[in-house]
C-alpha atoms as a PDB file:
ATOM      1  CA  MET A   1    -251.392  61.931-102.960  1.00  0.00           C
ATOM      2  CA  GLU A   2    -253.737  64.427-101.382  1.00  0.00           C
ATOM      3  CA  ARG A   3    -252.286  67.561 -99.810  1.00  0.00           C
ATOM      4  CA  LYS A   4    -253.632  68.697 -96.492  1.00  0.00           C
ATOM      5  CA  ARG A   5    -254.991  72.256 -96.615  1.00  0.00           C
ATOM      6  CA  ARG A   6    -253.786  74.638 -93.968  1.00  0.00           C
ATOM      7  CA  LYS A   7    -256.502  76.087 -91.823  1.00  0.00           C
ATOM      8  CA  SER A   8    -256.663  79.844 -91.644  1.00  0.00           C
ATOM      9  CA  TYR A   9    -257.881  81.688 -88.591  1.00  0.00           C
ATOM     10  CA  SER A  10    -259.068  85.254 -88.219  1.00  0.00           C
ATOM     11  CA  ARG A  11    -257.099  87.792 -86.236  1.00  0.00           C
ATOM     12  CA  GLU A  12    -259.919  87.895 -83.669  1.00  0.00           C
ATOM     13  CA  PHE A  13    -259.777  84.124 -83.182  1.00  0.00           C
ATOM     14  CA  LYS A  14    -256.013  84.237 -82.662  1.00  0.00           C
ATOM     15  CA  LEU A  15    -256.309  87.083 -80.158  1.00  0.00           C
ATOM     16  CA  GLU A  16    -258.997  85.214 -78.211  1.00  0.00           C
ATOM     17  CA  ALA A  17    -256.895  82.035 -78.247  1.00  0.00           C
ATOM     18  CA  VAL A  18    -253.884  83.919 -76.867  1.00  0.00           C
ATOM     19  CA  ARG A  19    -256.110  85.646 -74.304  1.00  0.00           C
ATOM     20  CA  LEU A  20    -257.144  82.226 -72.951  1.00  0.00           C
ATOM     21  CA  ILE A  21    -253.491  81.602 -72.138  1.00  0.00           C
ATOM     22  CA  THR A  22    -252.438  85.066 -70.995  1.00  0.00           C
ATOM     23  CA  HIS A  23    -255.534  86.218 -69.103  1.00  0.00           C
ATOM     24  CA  LYS A  24    -257.683  83.176 -68.336  1.00  0.00           C
ATOM     25  CA  GLY A  25    -254.948  80.936 -66.967  1.00  0.00           C
ATOM     26  CA  TYR A  26    -255.175  78.158 -69.549  1.00  0.00           C
ATOM     27  CA  SER A  27    -251.977  76.345 -70.409  1.00  0.00           C
ATOM     28  CA  ILE A  28    -251.060  76.194 -74.077  1.00  0.00           C
ATOM     29  CA  ALA A  29    -251.884  72.477 -74.066  1.00  0.00           C
ATOM     30  CA  GLU A  30    -255.334  73.068 -72.508  1.00  0.00           C
ATOM     31  CA  ALA A  31    -256.165  75.850 -74.939  1.00  0.00           C
ATOM     32  CA  SER A  32    -254.891  73.726 -77.813  1.00  0.00           C
ATOM     33  CA  ARG A  33    -257.192  70.827 -76.925  1.00  0.00           C
ATOM     34  CA  SER A  34    -260.138  73.110 -76.225  1.00  0.00           C
ATOM     35  CA  LEU A  35    -259.866  75.008 -79.513  1.00  0.00           C
ATOM     36  CA  GLY A  36    -258.672  72.171 -81.725  1.00  0.00           C
ATOM     37  CA  VAL A  37    -255.549  74.096 -82.712  1.00  0.00           C
ATOM     38  CA  ASP A  38    -252.174  72.392 -82.831  1.00  0.00           C
ATOM     39  CA  TYR A  39    -249.982  73.098 -79.785  1.00  0.00           C
ATOM     40  CA  SER A  40    -247.082  74.485 -81.843  1.00  0.00           C
ATOM     41  CA  VAL A  41    -249.394  76.833 -83.767  1.00  0.00           C
ATOM     42  CA  LEU A  42    -250.861  78.214 -80.554  1.00  0.00           C
ATOM     43  CA  ARG A  43    -247.399  78.575 -79.021  1.00  0.00           C
ATOM     44  CA  ASN A  44    -246.268  80.558 -82.103  1.00  0.00           C
ATOM     45  CA  TRP A  45    -249.319  82.842 -81.836  1.00  0.00           C
ATOM     46  CA  LYS A  46    -248.479  83.513 -78.204  1.00  0.00           C
ATOM     47  CA  ILE A  47    -244.863  84.359 -79.106  1.00  0.00           C
ATOM     48  CA  GLN A  48    -245.975  86.642 -81.954  1.00  0.00           C
ATOM     49  CA  PHE A  49    -248.380  88.425 -79.644  1.00  0.00           C
ATOM     50  CA  GLU A  50    -245.754  88.863 -76.923  1.00  0.00           C
ATOM     51  CA  GLN A  51    -243.266  90.316 -79.406  1.00  0.00           C
ATOM     52  CA  ASP A  52    -245.632  92.926 -80.853  1.00  0.00           C
ATOM     53  CA  PRO A  53    -249.149  92.959 -79.348  1.00  0.00           C
ATOM     54  CA  GLN A  54    -250.348  95.939 -81.349  1.00  0.00           C
ATOM     55  CA  HIS A  55    -249.362  94.569 -84.766  1.00  0.00           C
ATOM     56  CA  ALA A  56    -249.682  90.822 -84.186  1.00  0.00           C
ATOM     57  CA  PHE A  57    -251.578  88.844 -86.823  1.00  0.00           C
ATOM     58  CA  PRO A  58    -251.878  91.520 -89.547  1.00  0.00           C
ATOM     59  CA  GLY A  59    -253.730  89.140 -91.874  1.00  0.00           C
ATOM     60  CA  LYS A  60    -252.951  87.121 -94.960  1.00  0.00           C
ATOM     61  CA  GLY A  61    -250.878  89.120 -97.400  1.00  0.00           C
ATOM     62  CA  GLN A  62    -250.724  92.083 -95.033  1.00  0.00           C
ATOM     63  CA  LEU A  63    -247.599  93.508 -93.507  1.00  0.00           C
ATOM     64  CA  LYS A  64    -247.155  95.167 -90.159  1.00  0.00           C
ATOM     65  CA  PRO A  65    -247.139  98.973 -90.571  1.00  0.00           C
ATOM     66  CA  PRO A  66    -243.346  99.338 -90.148  1.00  0.00           C
ATOM     67  CA  ASP A  67    -242.746  96.552 -92.701  1.00  0.00           C
ATOM     68  CA  GLU A  68    -245.285  98.098 -95.084  1.00  0.00           C
ATOM     69  CA  GLU A  69    -243.455 101.426 -94.859  1.00  0.00           C
ATOM     70  CA  ILE A  70    -240.142  99.724 -95.669  1.00  0.00           C
ATOM     71  CA  ARG A  71    -241.753  97.973 -98.664  1.00  0.00           C
ATOM     72  CA  ARG A  72    -243.196 101.273 -99.905  1.00  0.00           C
ATOM     73  CA  LEU A  73    -239.868 103.088 -99.521  1.00  0.00           C
ATOM     74  CA  LYS A  74    -237.945 100.326-101.321  1.00  0.00           C
ATOM     75  CA  LYS A  75    -240.378 100.515-104.223  1.00  0.00           C
ATOM     76  CA  ARG A  76    -239.987 104.296-104.377  1.00  0.00           C
ATOM     77  CA  LEU A  77    -236.194 104.032-104.221  1.00  0.00           C
ATOM     78  CA  GLU A  78    -236.265 101.559-107.103  1.00  0.00           C
ATOM     79  CA  ARG A  79    -238.333 103.973-109.206  1.00  0.00           C
ATOM     80  CA  VAL A  80    -236.127 106.973-108.398  1.00  0.00           C
ATOM     81  CA  THR A  81    -233.026 104.921-109.238  1.00  0.00           C
ATOM     82  CA  GLU A  82    -234.524 103.961-112.616  1.00  0.00           C
ATOM     83  CA  GLU A  83    -235.372 107.614-113.334  1.00  0.00           C
ATOM     84  CA  ARG A  84    -231.825 108.660-112.411  1.00  0.00           C
ATOM     85  CA  ASP A  85    -230.349 106.027-114.723  1.00  0.00           C
ATOM     86  CA  ILE A  86    -232.538 107.223-117.598  1.00  0.00           C
ATOM     87  CA  LEU A  87    -231.462 110.820-117.006  1.00  0.00           C
ATOM     88  CA  LYS A  88    -227.775 109.786-116.910  1.00  0.00           C
ATOM     89  CA  LYS A  89    -228.139 108.019-120.269  1.00  0.00           C
ATOM     90  CA  ALA A  90    -229.958 110.990-121.764  1.00  0.00           C
ATOM     91  CA  LEU A  91    -227.308 113.387-120.484  1.00  0.00           C
ATOM     92  CA  ALA A  92    -224.527 111.234-121.910  1.00  0.00           C
ATOM     93  CA  TYR A  93    -226.335 110.987-125.269  1.00  0.00           C
ATOM     94  CA  PHE A  94    -226.866 114.764-125.571  1.00  0.00           C
ATOM     95  CA  ALA A  95    -223.342 115.538-124.352  1.00  0.00           C
ATOM     96  CA  GLU A  96    -221.936 113.246-127.058  1.00  0.00           C
ATOM     97  CA  HIS A  97    -224.016 114.814-129.822  1.00  0.00           C
ATOM     98  CA  GLN A  98    -223.216 118.409-128.822  1.00  0.00           C
ATOM     99  CA  LYS A  99    -219.614 118.084-130.015  1.00  0.00           C
END
């Protein structure tokens, strides 16, 4: 059984597709037929753009800047927590052997 590959579209293409709907007066159905993009995909792009126009469509594997900051901070917290745990174990070890 052959799997159908998902098409990937550039950020610029998505922005232009949404602009057809929001600025040029196309309906989602008209833009969908014209561009050869499934209706539901185009509708989702429009929703994503409306929710956050500046950070819409960050790219494959990319996060929006606020999400990237959260990811970076979580990673740092994990490292600091590991360092703290190591220091606690070392402190307990030396405290035990000082007696």
